[in-house]
Amino acid sequence: MSLVGPVPIRLKACARHSSSQVSLFRIFTRQSRFHDRKPPSAQNFRSTRDTPTPSCTLTSTPSLEPRVVASNTPAQRQRQRQQLRRIHQPQESRTTNNMASLAAHSKKHKVCVVGSGNWGTTIAKVIAENVKENKDIFDEQVQMWVYEEEVQIPTDSKHFDSGSELCKKPQKLTQLVNGLHENVKYLPGIQLPENIIANPDVVDTVKDATILIFNLPHQFIGRICDNIKGKHLPYARGISCIKGVEVSDQGCDLFSDSIGQKLGIYVGALSGANIATEIALEKWCETTVAYDPPHLDSRQPTPEHTPSGSPHGSSADLHDLKGEAITPKGKKQKLMALPAEFPPLNHANIKRLFHRPYFHVRMVHDVAGVSLGGALKNVVALAAGWVDGLGWGDNAKAAIMRVGILEEIKFGEAFYSKTFKRETITEESCGVADMITSCSGGRNFRCAKMSIKEGKSINEIEERELNGQKLQGTSTAYEVHSFLKAQGMEKDFPLFTAVYDVLEGNNKPEDIPQLIEPHNE
């Protein structure tokens, strides 16, 4: 029968097959599979039944490859094996190198989530599902830090039983999460994967993790970083899901940047049109993950364009960084290399950590754009809630959103010009899409609308509606205004300034159209 390999080779049948001849045949056929050849056609396929012969010989075209003759002596068999290896050396070498590369990743990434509110618990659910499906990359267990508190199981919970000891008095939240696999306080009614482990000790939560996911109210991030500094793996990497910015009169820092600087690790950002309860119910949406990996982590050239197909390229030439990352303000940050025993933390593997059929991920490099979009839209959503509460309709909300998007872009270009890309705001979920969602149904929008409808302050609505959680729009509005005032740029951002003035009582929501009117028109 004629076989298809590197060149046409013919096997003549014999009456008696020795074990050495069968072994040689197996070696040859196994090696020939490495060649990408089309299936044999009718012309070059011939059955051995058509050409019976008492001998058994492997031959090749003399002008193209050496002649290999099967034999029973050990010396001849050894020469035949060496000859076959020389014939197929390029393919064999590549295969050996690939297998060695796979074997080098002897360790898996452990992932932890710092935070357990409704958004933190939702992200933990997403990650826990993905690590189980990518066991070659990630450890199956996900540690989730939970601020310990006593919680009474609600009477409308499926777990409530008036006769149960569990329901007669408040229980520790960590015990409820680990026992019921549900966060009955912050994400009630959602079944959590059993590989989520609630942990009340934040240091114990992060100590073995190579990937830290930060997802908690930004008011507490400074204290948490102080607690875990020096107690985490020095080569760990992080993702911030915190929608806010750390602002003072001296400057404006992204939480991804401030966390990274405090802990000495690289931190990316996740943000998008993501209402936590909808994602927990597995309703389809998109998100944006910004991760500009140090070159030593990816171990291969960073693509010119992001894997998601986003139309802009990398924010930095990572080939020249040599173990450093570029912060959103354009500064270099020295990092400890991720050990080679771990799979690389490149865009592909970060996407595997977050992407679900109901939670689609687009990867970009612009950490500043993703972070600012997630923070500043909360300020805009307050204004949208006020005008909607006044009954001004969708046209008014659209006007607020248009001005808000322009001020987000202006802010990024003014203070993060080295890495910020305006396309991140205009084309990604973290920008225009998040603005639409936040100004239509987000918590900042809803609380602002209620304050108008009920004639109450934002703080009163927040305390009643958010179950102990805090609005990020109000605190961000105050911080951004303080920063802009220190820069002498209040008039350059009329909407941000108007929101602050309404919160302070200097103006009424009805004044917003006049407050955001350009002065030069």
Foldseek 3Di string as FASTA:
>chain_A
DWDDAPAIKDWADAPDDDPLNVVLVVVLVVLRVLDDDDPDDPVSDDDNVVPHDHDTAIQGDVVPADGQGDDDDPVSSVVNVVRSCVVRVVSVVVVVVVVVLLVLQQDAFAEEEEDDALQSVLQVQLLLVLCVVCVSHHDNAYEYADQWDWAAQDPPAPPDDPPDPPRPGTDIQQCCCQPVVARRQRQGPFHGDNRYHYDNDLLVNAQEGQEYEYDHAPVCPVVSLVVNAPRHPQAHEYEYAYQAWDFDQVGIGFPQQVSCVSRVYHYFYKAFQCDSNCVSVLAADEIETADQDQCLQQVDFDDQPFPLVQPHGALDRNVPLVQWDQGLQGDTGHGDGDDSNHHGPDPVVVQSSRDDPRYHYGYYNQRLLLNLLSHQLLQLLLLLLQCVLVVVDDVVNVVSLVLSLVVSLVVCCVRRVSRDDSCSQVPHRSHSVNSVSSNPDNPSSNLSSVCSNVVHASVVSCVPPVSPDDRSNQVNLVRVCSNCVSVVNCLVRQSSNVSNCCNVVVDPSVCSVVSPPDPVD
